[in-house]
Amino acid sequence: MSDQSRLLPNGRILRYPFRERVVHWIAGVSYVYLLLTGLAFWSPWLFWLATALGGGTVSRELHPWAGLIFVFATALMYVQWASQMHETEVDKQWWQSLPHYIRNEDEEVPEIEKFNAGQKSLFWGFLWAAFFLLLSGLVLWFPQWIPWGLRYLRYTAVIVHVVAALFTIALFMIHIYMGLAIEGGALHSIVNGDVSQAWARAFHRLWYERVLRDTGVRK
């Protein structure tokens, strides 16, 4: 799906249309539920999370269904954003300037399009993790379908599911940090959809210039 960003009548820039925001929040809410219930199943010390979410039985029944919702939302995000997530030469420069990005030294970071290389990596990381979580989760959901002669498939599924889940937790923490601490205003954009021109110019200048150019506005 092509980028639908545009300059709004109030002078702000539409970054995420309503549909993209809905898909993002479906993925986000389902993921948080999976995270909390998954941690409860992973460690007895965290089982109180399942209790707080309705009890162990309820959490056990809803966890795989929430997983299907998360995978479906992730697939929709792929349809929405995959065409904008390909690596460019600017992305290579961005990785080289990563220490400056972390320290908020914006003047040392190359001008970028709508998504920087870190955001693209998060996108592909969640996508592949969702794929492995789905495959391993189906084995764990329906172990009776796995012949005893293939019992090692069950053991492998347990390991893959845990590793993929821990990988998403790391990505989730980075995602929250980037959205709240580094690019202040990013949370507003995924809630209300728009950003100020100053924000767009500061963090995604190439995208900002393209939106103005497509709108026929001179800088």
C-alpha atoms as a PDB file:
ATOM      1  CA  MET A   1       0.000   0.000   0.000  1.00  0.00           C
ATOM      2  CA  SER A   2       1.397   3.413  -0.961  1.00  0.00           C
ATOM      3  CA  ASP A   3       2.097   6.149   1.554  1.00  0.00           C
ATOM      4  CA  GLN A   4      -1.054   8.216   2.187  1.00  0.00           C
ATOM      5  CA  SER A   5       0.694  11.007   4.062  1.00  0.00           C
ATOM      6  CA  ARG A   6      -0.501  14.510   3.200  1.00  0.00           C
ATOM      7  CA  LEU A   7      -0.595  18.072   4.432  1.00  0.00           C
ATOM      8  CA  LEU A   8      -3.768  18.744   6.412  1.00  0.00           C
ATOM      9  CA  PRO A   9      -5.805  22.005   6.292  1.00  0.00           C
ATOM     10  CA  ASN A  10      -4.618  22.901   9.805  1.00  0.00           C
ATOM     11  CA  GLY A  11      -0.996  22.833   8.636  1.00  0.00           C
ATOM     12  CA  ARG A  12      -0.159  19.534  10.330  1.00  0.00           C
ATOM     13  CA  ILE A  13       0.882  16.427   8.398  1.00  0.00           C
ATOM     14  CA  LEU A  14      -1.082  13.191   8.314  1.00  0.00           C
ATOM     15  CA  ARG A  15       1.407  10.446   9.122  1.00  0.00           C
ATOM     16  CA  TYR A  16      -0.885   7.475   9.773  1.00  0.00           C
ATOM     17  CA  PRO A  17      -4.413   7.234   8.302  1.00  0.00           C
ATOM     18  CA  PHE A  18      -7.163   5.860  10.546  1.00  0.00           C
ATOM     19  CA  ARG A  19      -6.947   2.339   9.134  1.00  0.00           C
ATOM     20  CA  GLU A  20      -3.213   2.088   9.800  1.00  0.00           C
ATOM     21  CA  ARG A  21      -3.692   3.289  13.363  1.00  0.00           C
ATOM     22  CA  VAL A  22      -6.456   0.759  14.032  1.00  0.00           C
ATOM     23  CA  VAL A  23      -4.328  -2.104  12.735  1.00  0.00           C
ATOM     24  CA  HIS A  24      -1.354  -0.936  14.796  1.00  0.00           C
ATOM     25  CA  TRP A  25      -3.401  -0.788  18.012  1.00  0.00           C
ATOM     26  CA  ILE A  26      -5.018  -4.176  17.401  1.00  0.00           C
ATOM     27  CA  ALA A  27      -1.516  -5.602  17.087  1.00  0.00           C
ATOM     28  CA  GLY A  28      -0.322  -3.636  20.110  1.00  0.00           C
ATOM     29  CA  VAL A  29      -3.161  -4.565  22.469  1.00  0.00           C
ATOM     30  CA  SER A  30      -3.133  -8.234  21.475  1.00  0.00           C
ATOM     31  CA  TYR A  31       0.654  -8.308  21.875  1.00  0.00           C
ATOM     32  CA  VAL A  32       0.535  -6.856  25.397  1.00  0.00           C
ATOM     33  CA  TYR A  33      -2.038  -9.470  26.370  1.00  0.00           C
ATOM     34  CA  LEU A  34       0.164 -12.205  24.896  1.00  0.00           C
ATOM     35  CA  LEU A  35       3.175 -10.750  26.696  1.00  0.00           C
ATOM     36  CA  LEU A  36       1.502 -10.732  30.108  1.00  0.00           C
ATOM     37  CA  THR A  37      -0.116 -14.152  29.848  1.00  0.00           C
ATOM     38  CA  GLY A  38       2.998 -15.621  28.250  1.00  0.00           C
ATOM     39  CA  LEU A  39       5.155 -14.411  31.133  1.00  0.00           C
ATOM     40  CA  ALA A  40       2.642 -15.914  33.555  1.00  0.00           C
ATOM     41  CA  PHE A  41       3.018 -19.327  31.881  1.00  0.00           C
ATOM     42  CA  TRP A  42       6.785 -18.983  31.649  1.00  0.00           C
ATOM     43  CA  SER A  43       7.531 -18.484  35.344  1.00  0.00           C
ATOM     44  CA  PRO A  44       5.605 -19.398  38.522  1.00  0.00           C
ATOM     45  CA  TRP A  45       6.825 -16.110  39.983  1.00  0.00           C
ATOM     46  CA  LEU A  46       4.766 -14.288  37.382  1.00  0.00           C
ATOM     47  CA  PHE A  47       1.615 -16.399  37.508  1.00  0.00           C
ATOM     48  CA  TRP A  48      -0.127 -13.581  39.372  1.00  0.00           C
ATOM     49  CA  LEU A  49      -0.384 -11.891  35.967  1.00  0.00           C
ATOM     50  CA  ALA A  50      -2.694 -14.644  34.762  1.00  0.00           C
ATOM     51  CA  THR A  51      -4.693 -14.375  37.981  1.00  0.00           C
ATOM     52  CA  ALA A  52      -5.128 -10.647  37.403  1.00  0.00           C
ATOM     53  CA  LEU A  53      -6.323 -11.327  33.856  1.00  0.00           C
ATOM     54  CA  GLY A  54      -9.112 -13.686  34.853  1.00  0.00           C
ATOM     55  CA  GLY A  55      -7.287 -16.758  36.105  1.00  0.00           C
ATOM     56  CA  GLY A  56      -5.033 -19.426  34.686  1.00  0.00           C
ATOM     57  CA  THR A  57      -7.750 -21.316  32.828  1.00  0.00           C
ATOM     58  CA  VAL A  58      -9.133 -18.217  31.142  1.00  0.00           C
ATOM     59  CA  SER A  59      -5.649 -17.007  30.202  1.00  0.00           C
ATOM     60  CA  ARG A  60      -4.730 -20.421  28.822  1.00  0.00           C
ATOM     61  CA  GLU A  61      -7.845 -20.469  26.645  1.00  0.00           C
ATOM     62  CA  LEU A  62      -7.538 -16.896  25.373  1.00  0.00           C
ATOM     63  CA  HIS A  63      -3.770 -16.779  24.834  1.00  0.00           C
ATOM     64  CA  PRO A  64      -3.733 -18.708  21.511  1.00  0.00           C
ATOM     65  CA  TRP A  65      -6.743 -16.787  20.188  1.00  0.00           C
ATOM     66  CA  ALA A  66      -5.033 -13.517  21.016  1.00  0.00           C
ATOM     67  CA  GLY A  67      -2.036 -14.925  19.165  1.00  0.00           C
ATOM     68  CA  LEU A  68      -4.118 -15.395  16.033  1.00  0.00           C
ATOM     69  CA  ILE A  69      -5.348 -11.804  16.308  1.00  0.00           C
ATOM     70  CA  PHE A  70      -1.767 -10.577  16.660  1.00  0.00           C
ATOM     71  CA  VAL A  71      -0.590 -12.581  13.653  1.00  0.00           C
ATOM     72  CA  PHE A  72      -3.532 -11.340  11.573  1.00  0.00           C
ATOM     73  CA  ALA A  73      -2.810  -7.714  12.526  1.00  0.00           C
ATOM     74  CA  THR A  74       0.872  -8.223  11.750  1.00  0.00           C
ATOM     75  CA  ALA A  75      -0.065  -9.548   8.313  1.00  0.00           C
ATOM     76  CA  LEU A  76      -2.192  -6.436   7.733  1.00  0.00           C
ATOM     77  CA  MET A  77       0.745  -4.243   8.754  1.00  0.00           C
ATOM     78  CA  TYR A  78       2.829  -6.080   6.188  1.00  0.00           C
ATOM     79  CA  VAL A  79       0.279  -5.174   3.513  1.00  0.00           C
ATOM     80  CA  GLN A  80       0.258  -1.563   4.703  1.00  0.00           C
ATOM     81  CA  TRP A  81       3.946  -0.874   5.157  1.00  0.00           C
ATOM     82  CA  ALA A  82       6.127  -3.526   3.499  1.00  0.00           C
ATOM     83  CA  SER A  83       6.620  -1.412   0.364  1.00  0.00           C
ATOM     84  CA  GLN A  84       8.078   1.355   2.554  1.00  0.00           C
ATOM     85  CA  MET A  85      10.399  -0.914   4.546  1.00  0.00           C
ATOM     86  CA  HIS A  86      13.095  -1.704   1.980  1.00  0.00           C
ATOM     87  CA  GLU A  87      16.684  -0.790   2.820  1.00  0.00           C
ATOM     88  CA  THR A  88      18.171   2.275   1.132  1.00  0.00           C
ATOM     89  CA  GLU A  89      21.591   3.905   1.026  1.00  0.00           C
ATOM     90  CA  VAL A  90      20.396   6.398   3.626  1.00  0.00           C
ATOM     91  CA  ASP A  91      19.627   3.485   5.955  1.00  0.00           C
ATOM     92  CA  LYS A  92      23.255   2.391   5.815  1.00  0.00           C
ATOM     93  CA  GLN A  93      24.311   5.901   6.772  1.00  0.00           C
ATOM     94  CA  TRP A  94      21.737   5.894   9.566  1.00  0.00           C
ATOM     95  CA  TRP A  95      23.231   2.750  11.116  1.00  0.00           C
ATOM     96  CA  GLN A  96      26.646   4.388  11.100  1.00  0.00           C
ATOM     97  CA  SER A  97      25.178   7.354  12.985  1.00  0.00           C
ATOM     98  CA  LEU A  98      23.257   5.211  15.486  1.00  0.00           C
ATOM     99  CA  PRO A  99      25.227   6.457  18.551  1.00  0.00           C
ATOM    100  CA  HIS A 100      24.265  10.024  17.620  1.00  0.00           C
ATOM    101  CA  TYR A 101      20.624   8.991  17.207  1.00  0.00           C
ATOM    102  CA  ILE A 102      20.583   7.396  20.667  1.00  0.00           C
ATOM    103  CA  ARG A 103      22.095  10.539  22.201  1.00  0.00           C
ATOM    104  CA  ASN A 104      19.542  12.740  20.376  1.00  0.00           C
ATOM    105  CA  GLU A 105      22.304  14.465  18.411  1.00  0.00           C
ATOM    106  CA  ASP A 106      19.964  15.061  15.497  1.00  0.00           C
ATOM    107  CA  GLU A 107      22.386  17.256  13.572  1.00  0.00           C
ATOM    108  CA  GLU A 108      24.702  14.234  13.186  1.00  0.00           C
ATOM    109  CA  VAL A 109      21.966  11.904  11.892  1.00  0.00           C
ATOM    110  CA  PRO A 110      21.321  11.759   8.114  1.00  0.00           C
ATOM    111  CA  GLU A 111      18.023  13.048   6.771  1.00  0.00           C
ATOM    112  CA  ILE A 112      15.597  10.148   6.382  1.00  0.00           C
ATOM    113  CA  GLU A 113      12.286   9.212   4.811  1.00  0.00           C
ATOM    114  CA  LYS A 114       9.094   8.218   6.648  1.00  0.00           C
ATOM    115  CA  PHE A 115      10.778   5.335   8.480  1.00  0.00           C
ATOM    116  CA  ASN A 116      14.378   5.110   9.620  1.00  0.00           C
ATOM    117  CA  ALA A 117      16.488   1.956   9.478  1.00  0.00           C
ATOM    118  CA  GLY A 118      15.761   1.116  13.109  1.00  0.00           C
ATOM    119  CA  GLN A 119      12.014   1.263  12.561  1.00  0.00           C
ATOM    120  CA  LYS A 120      12.363  -0.910   9.475  1.00  0.00           C
ATOM    121  CA  SER A 121      14.350  -3.486  11.449  1.00  0.00           C
ATOM    122  CA  LEU A 122      11.666  -3.532  14.138  1.00  0.00           C
ATOM    123  CA  PHE A 123       9.028  -4.090  11.473  1.00  0.00           C
ATOM    124  CA  TRP A 124      10.797  -7.081   9.916  1.00  0.00           C
ATOM    125  CA  GLY A 125      11.786  -8.422  13.323  1.00  0.00           C
ATOM    126  CA  PHE A 126       8.194  -8.493  14.552  1.00  0.00           C
ATOM    127  CA  LEU A 127       7.031  -9.961  11.256  1.00  0.00           C
ATOM    128  CA  TRP A 128       9.431 -12.920  11.361  1.00  0.00           C
ATOM    129  CA  ALA A 129       8.904 -13.417  15.084  1.00  0.00           C
ATOM    130  CA  ALA A 130       5.136 -13.570  14.507  1.00  0.00           C
ATOM    131  CA  PHE A 131       5.725 -16.233  11.856  1.00  0.00           C
ATOM    132  CA  PHE A 132       7.753 -18.459  14.208  1.00  0.00           C
ATOM    133  CA  LEU A 133       5.380 -17.815  17.111  1.00  0.00           C
ATOM    134  CA  LEU A 134       2.483 -18.930  14.924  1.00  0.00           C
ATOM    135  CA  LEU A 135       4.152 -22.160  13.789  1.00  0.00           C
ATOM    136  CA  SER A 136       5.412 -23.125  17.240  1.00  0.00           C
ATOM    137  CA  GLY A 137       2.189 -21.950  18.884  1.00  0.00           C
ATOM    138  CA  LEU A 138       0.048 -24.210  16.719  1.00  0.00           C
ATOM    139  CA  VAL A 139       2.141 -27.207  17.806  1.00  0.00           C
ATOM    140  CA  LEU A 140       1.723 -26.238  21.458  1.00  0.00           C
ATOM    141  CA  TRP A 141      -1.971 -25.522  21.000  1.00  0.00           C
ATOM    142  CA  PHE A 142      -2.742 -28.892  19.436  1.00  0.00           C
ATOM    143  CA  PRO A 143      -0.080 -31.305  20.740  1.00  0.00           C
ATOM    144  CA  GLN A 144      -2.483 -34.211  20.250  1.00  0.00           C
ATOM    145  CA  TRP A 145      -2.072 -33.755  16.511  1.00  0.00           C
ATOM    146  CA  ILE A 146       1.644 -34.487  16.752  1.00  0.00           C
ATOM    147  CA  PRO A 147       2.428 -38.237  16.615  1.00  0.00           C
ATOM    148  CA  TRP A 148       4.528 -39.469  19.521  1.00  0.00           C
ATOM    149  CA  GLY A 149       7.200 -40.437  17.042  1.00  0.00           C
ATOM    150  CA  LEU A 150       7.589 -36.702  16.316  1.00  0.00           C
ATOM    151  CA  ARG A 151       7.734 -35.744  19.996  1.00  0.00           C
ATOM    152  CA  TYR A 152      10.935 -33.809  19.381  1.00  0.00           C
ATOM    153  CA  LEU A 153       8.850 -31.434  17.287  1.00  0.00           C
ATOM    154  CA  ARG A 154       6.985 -30.577  20.467  1.00  0.00           C
ATOM    155  CA  TYR A 155      10.208 -29.956  22.369  1.00  0.00           C
ATOM    156  CA  THR A 156      11.514 -27.822  19.527  1.00  0.00           C
ATOM    157  CA  ALA A 157       8.272 -25.828  19.461  1.00  0.00           C
ATOM    158  CA  VAL A 158       8.664 -24.988  23.161  1.00  0.00           C
ATOM    159  CA  ILE A 159      12.179 -23.641  22.601  1.00  0.00           C
ATOM    160  CA  VAL A 160      11.267 -21.743  19.424  1.00  0.00           C
ATOM    161  CA  HIS A 161       8.220 -20.191  21.067  1.00  0.00           C
ATOM    162  CA  VAL A 162      10.184 -18.962  24.072  1.00  0.00           C
ATOM    163  CA  VAL A 163      13.107 -17.637  22.005  1.00  0.00           C
ATOM    164  CA  ALA A 164      10.800 -15.844  19.572  1.00  0.00           C
ATOM    165  CA  ALA A 165       8.782 -14.384  22.452  1.00  0.00           C
ATOM    166  CA  LEU A 166      11.891 -13.089  24.236  1.00  0.00           C
ATOM    167  CA  PHE A 167      13.051 -11.600  20.942  1.00  0.00           C
ATOM    168  CA  THR A 168       9.770  -9.690  20.598  1.00  0.00           C
ATOM    169  CA  ILE A 169      10.086  -8.428  24.169  1.00  0.00           C
ATOM    170  CA  ALA A 170      13.458  -6.900  23.291  1.00  0.00           C
ATOM    171  CA  LEU A 171      11.973  -5.359  20.142  1.00  0.00           C
ATOM    172  CA  PHE A 172       8.987  -4.057  22.104  1.00  0.00           C
ATOM    173  CA  MET A 173      11.217  -2.329  24.643  1.00  0.00           C
ATOM    174  CA  ILE A 174      13.253  -0.721  21.861  1.00  0.00           C
ATOM    175  CA  HIS A 175      10.049   0.329  20.098  1.00  0.00           C
ATOM    176  CA  ILE A 176       8.714   2.025  23.231  1.00  0.00           C
ATOM    177  CA  TYR A 177      12.053   3.738  23.873  1.00  0.00           C
ATOM    178  CA  MET A 178      12.312   5.047  20.323  1.00  0.00           C
ATOM    179  CA  GLY A 179       8.728   6.289  20.319  1.00  0.00           C
ATOM    180  CA  LEU A 180       8.722   7.966  23.715  1.00  0.00           C
ATOM    181  CA  ALA A 181      12.295   8.968  24.531  1.00  0.00           C
ATOM    182  CA  ILE A 182      13.958   9.642  21.185  1.00  0.00           C
ATOM    183  CA  GLU A 183      11.242  10.825  18.835  1.00  0.00           C
ATOM    184  CA  GLY A 184       8.983  12.746  21.182  1.00  0.00           C
ATOM    185  CA  GLY A 185       5.596  13.130  19.531  1.00  0.00           C
ATOM    186  CA  ALA A 186       5.619   9.721  17.882  1.00  0.00           C
ATOM    187  CA  LEU A 187       2.963   8.463  20.323  1.00  0.00           C
ATOM    188  CA  HIS A 188       0.659  11.322  19.318  1.00  0.00           C
ATOM    189  CA  SER A 189       1.072  10.371  15.672  1.00  0.00           C
ATOM    190  CA  ILE A 190      -0.061   6.787  16.208  1.00  0.00           C
ATOM    191  CA  VAL A 191      -3.012   7.932  18.350  1.00  0.00           C
ATOM    192  CA  ASN A 192      -4.275  10.939  16.400  1.00  0.00           C
ATOM    193  CA  GLY A 193      -2.498  10.278  13.129  1.00  0.00           C
ATOM    194  CA  ASP A 194      -0.870  13.656  12.578  1.00  0.00           C
ATOM    195  CA  VAL A 195       2.410  15.402  13.429  1.00  0.00           C
ATOM    196  CA  SER A 196       3.594  18.984  13.334  1.00  0.00           C
ATOM    197  CA  GLN A 197       5.724  20.176  10.465  1.00  0.00           C
ATOM    198  CA  ALA A 198       8.497  20.935  12.958  1.00  0.00           C
ATOM    199  CA  TRP A 199       8.465  17.315  14.158  1.00  0.00           C
ATOM    200  CA  ALA A 200       8.473  15.949  10.611  1.00  0.00           C
ATOM    201  CA  ARG A 201      11.309  18.277   9.614  1.00  0.00           C
ATOM    202  CA  ALA A 202      13.378  17.322  12.665  1.00  0.00           C
ATOM    203  CA  PHE A 203      13.016  13.536  12.560  1.00  0.00           C
ATOM    204  CA  HIS A 204      12.005  12.585   8.997  1.00  0.00           C
ATOM    205  CA  ARG A 205      13.099  15.461   6.799  1.00  0.00           C
ATOM    206  CA  LEU A 206      13.093  13.616   3.466  1.00  0.00           C
ATOM    207  CA  TRP A 207       9.546  12.453   4.106  1.00  0.00           C
ATOM    208  CA  TYR A 208       8.556  15.963   5.165  1.00  0.00           C
ATOM    209  CA  GLU A 209       9.972  17.468   1.973  1.00  0.00           C
ATOM    210  CA  ARG A 210       8.259  14.824  -0.140  1.00  0.00           C
ATOM    211  CA  VAL A 211       4.882  15.511   1.445  1.00  0.00           C
ATOM    212  CA  LEU A 212       5.254  19.237   0.797  1.00  0.00           C
ATOM    213  CA  ARG A 213       6.391  18.577  -2.753  1.00  0.00           C
ATOM    214  CA  ASP A 214       3.475  16.249  -3.440  1.00  0.00           C
ATOM    215  CA  THR A 215       1.113  18.831  -1.984  1.00  0.00           C
ATOM    216  CA  GLY A 216       2.608  21.577  -4.135  1.00  0.00           C
ATOM    217  CA  VAL A 217       3.850  23.626  -1.169  1.00  0.00           C
ATOM    218  CA  ARG A 218       7.197  25.353  -1.270  1.00  0.00           C
ATOM    219  CA  LYS A 219       9.429  25.140   1.804  1.00  0.00           C
END
